């Protein structure tokens, strides 16, 4: 039995909103970079900036992390002549399916980007991410995040 003309139209009208809803959801998830700050013009790190960076790092390492909570950040000066600093970010989150609690620590290696004197913008050199999750972090996403933080 072949569908008649009105049944084809009814099926198309029912499926059209579903198709565009899935398309809009994909654009929202994949195209949202507003939550990723840039270090290009940053000379100091505030708690708000540290929280935004910590959540971006967590999302890059584990895109399915649920209920992230930024706990703390601290500076660690490395003894070197190029004045490299480590920004240590601590986050807690839950597994989306297991609902188990995890603790994560991200260490961003920052170096001054510019000439000597005064406050200098910073550049992210590397992100070292560790957590107590059995699933390893997504390293390609973390490497791509370094480039986005330096844009």
Protein backbone atom coordinates (compact mmCIF):
# COMPACT_ATOMS: atom_id res chain seq x y z
CA UNK A 1 0.00 0.00 0.00
CA UNK A 2 1.57 3.26 -1.13
CA UNK A 3 1.01 6.45 0.86
CA UNK A 4 -1.24 8.94 -0.83
CA UNK A 5 -0.43 12.62 -1.38
CA UNK A 6 -1.82 13.95 1.89
CA UNK A 7 -0.04 11.26 3.93
CA UNK A 8 3.31 12.24 2.37
CA UNK A 9 2.71 15.88 3.32
CA UNK A 10 1.69 14.93 6.84
CA UNK A 11 4.86 12.84 7.28
CA UNK A 12 7.04 15.66 5.94
CA UNK A 13 5.39 18.18 8.27
CA UNK A 14 5.96 15.90 11.25
CA UNK A 15 9.61 15.20 10.45
CA UNK A 16 10.62 18.76 9.49
CA UNK A 17 10.68 20.18 13.06
CA UNK A 18 12.61 17.15 14.28
CA UNK A 19 15.23 17.60 11.56
CA UNK A 20 15.70 21.31 12.24
CA UNK A 21 15.76 20.73 16.00
CA UNK A 22 18.60 18.24 15.69
CA UNK A 23 20.44 20.60 13.33
CA UNK A 24 20.07 23.55 15.75
CA UNK A 25 21.25 21.42 18.66
CA UNK A 26 24.36 20.41 16.72
CA UNK A 27 25.17 24.02 15.89
CA UNK A 28 24.76 25.05 19.53
CA UNK A 29 27.02 22.31 20.85
CA UNK A 30 29.73 22.45 18.21
CA UNK A 31 29.78 26.16 17.50
CA UNK A 32 29.84 27.61 21.02
CA UNK A 33 33.25 29.12 21.74
CA UNK A 34 32.04 32.09 23.73
CA UNK A 35 32.86 30.31 26.97
CA UNK A 36 36.55 29.96 26.04
CA UNK A 37 38.55 33.02 27.11
CA UNK A 38 41.66 34.28 25.38
CA UNK A 39 45.01 34.82 27.11
CA UNK A 40 46.24 37.12 24.35
CA UNK A 41 45.40 40.32 26.24
CA UNK A 42 45.32 39.00 29.81
CA UNK A 43 47.96 40.40 32.17
CA UNK A 44 46.37 39.15 35.41
CA UNK A 45 44.23 36.17 36.31
CA UNK A 46 41.05 36.81 38.27
CA UNK A 47 38.94 34.13 39.93
CA UNK A 48 36.27 34.51 37.22
CA UNK A 49 38.83 34.00 34.43
CA UNK A 50 40.35 31.02 36.24
CA UNK A 51 36.89 29.48 36.60
CA UNK A 52 36.10 29.96 32.89
CA UNK A 53 39.44 28.40 31.90
CA UNK A 54 39.02 25.49 34.34
CA UNK A 55 35.58 24.64 32.98
CA UNK A 56 36.84 24.90 29.39
CA UNK A 57 39.74 22.54 30.21
CA UNK A 58 37.37 20.08 31.90
CA UNK A 59 34.98 20.18 28.93
CA UNK A 60 37.89 19.54 26.55
CA UNK A 61 39.25 16.64 28.63
CA UNK A 62 35.88 15.03 29.36
CA UNK A 63 33.06 16.42 27.19
CA UNK A 64 30.49 14.31 29.06
CA UNK A 65 31.40 15.61 32.55
CA UNK A 66 28.33 16.63 34.54
CA UNK A 67 27.83 19.18 37.32
CA UNK A 68 31.33 20.74 37.27
CA UNK A 69 32.31 22.80 40.30
CA UNK A 70 35.38 25.04 40.26
CA UNK A 71 37.10 24.68 43.63
CA UNK A 72 40.35 26.69 43.59
CA UNK A 73 43.30 28.06 41.68
CA UNK A 74 46.86 28.97 42.64
CA UNK A 75 50.08 30.20 41.08
CA UNK A 76 53.38 28.35 41.10
CA UNK A 77 56.43 30.27 39.85
CA UNK A 78 58.97 28.09 38.14
CA UNK A 79 62.65 28.90 38.71
CA UNK A 80 63.69 29.88 35.21
CA UNK A 81 65.05 32.87 33.39
CA UNK A 82 62.01 33.23 31.09
CA UNK A 83 59.62 33.75 34.08
CA UNK A 84 57.36 30.82 33.24
CA UNK A 85 54.48 30.32 35.68
CA UNK A 86 52.10 27.47 36.36
CA UNK A 87 48.42 28.16 36.91
CA UNK A 88 46.97 25.26 38.91
CA UNK A 89 43.20 24.79 38.56
CA UNK A 90 41.15 22.36 40.67
CA UNK A 91 37.69 21.14 39.63
CA UNK A 92 35.23 18.52 40.86
CA UNK A 93 32.70 16.87 38.57
CA UNK A 94 30.42 13.86 38.22
CA UNK A 95 30.24 11.20 35.57
CA UNK A 96 27.22 11.65 33.35
CA UNK A 97 26.18 7.98 33.42
CA UNK A 98 27.76 6.67 36.61
CA UNK A 99 27.15 9.83 38.71
CA UNK A 100 30.45 9.06 40.46
CA UNK A 101 32.40 12.01 41.91
CA UNK A 102 35.79 12.87 40.39
CA UNK A 103 38.49 15.41 41.21
CA UNK A 104 40.54 16.99 38.45
CA UNK A 105 43.68 19.11 38.44
CA UNK A 106 44.82 21.10 35.42
CA UNK A 107 48.22 22.78 35.32
CA UNK A 108 48.53 25.46 32.64
CA UNK A 109 52.11 26.41 31.82
CA UNK A 110 52.12 30.14 31.04
CA UNK A 111 54.91 32.30 29.76
CA UNK A 112 55.03 36.05 29.15
CA UNK A 113 54.24 36.98 25.56
CA UNK A 114 55.94 40.24 24.69
CA UNK A 115 58.73 42.61 25.60
CA UNK A 116 60.22 43.06 29.08
CA UNK A 117 58.83 45.58 31.51
CA UNK A 118 55.43 46.19 33.04
CA UNK A 119 52.54 43.80 32.84
CA UNK A 120 52.80 41.41 29.95
CA UNK A 121 50.16 39.32 28.22
CA UNK A 122 50.48 35.59 28.77
CA UNK A 123 50.64 32.65 26.42
CA UNK A 124 49.61 29.10 27.26
CA UNK A 125 52.43 26.70 26.43
CA UNK A 126 50.89 23.43 27.62
CA UNK A 127 48.03 21.94 29.63
CA UNK A 128 48.83 19.05 31.98
CA UNK A 129 45.56 17.46 33.07
CA UNK A 130 45.10 14.72 35.66
CA UNK A 131 42.03 13.30 37.37
CA UNK A 132 40.90 10.18 39.20
CA UNK A 133 38.61 9.02 36.39
CA UNK A 134 39.36 5.63 34.80
CA UNK A 135 38.58 7.08 31.37
CA UNK A 136 41.65 8.94 30.08
CA UNK A 137 41.30 12.61 29.13
CA UNK A 138 40.86 13.57 25.49
CA UNK A 139 44.41 14.72 24.64
CA UNK A 140 43.65 16.02 21.11
CA UNK A 141 40.91 18.27 22.54
CA UNK A 142 43.33 19.62 25.16
CA UNK A 143 45.96 20.35 22.51
CA UNK A 144 43.35 22.16 20.40
CA UNK A 145 42.28 24.14 23.48
CA UNK A 146 45.83 25.48 23.89
CA UNK A 147 45.54 27.07 20.45
CA UNK A 148 42.08 28.49 21.23
CA UNK A 149 43.29 29.98 24.53
CA UNK A 150 46.08 31.77 22.65
CA UNK A 151 43.88 33.21 19.89
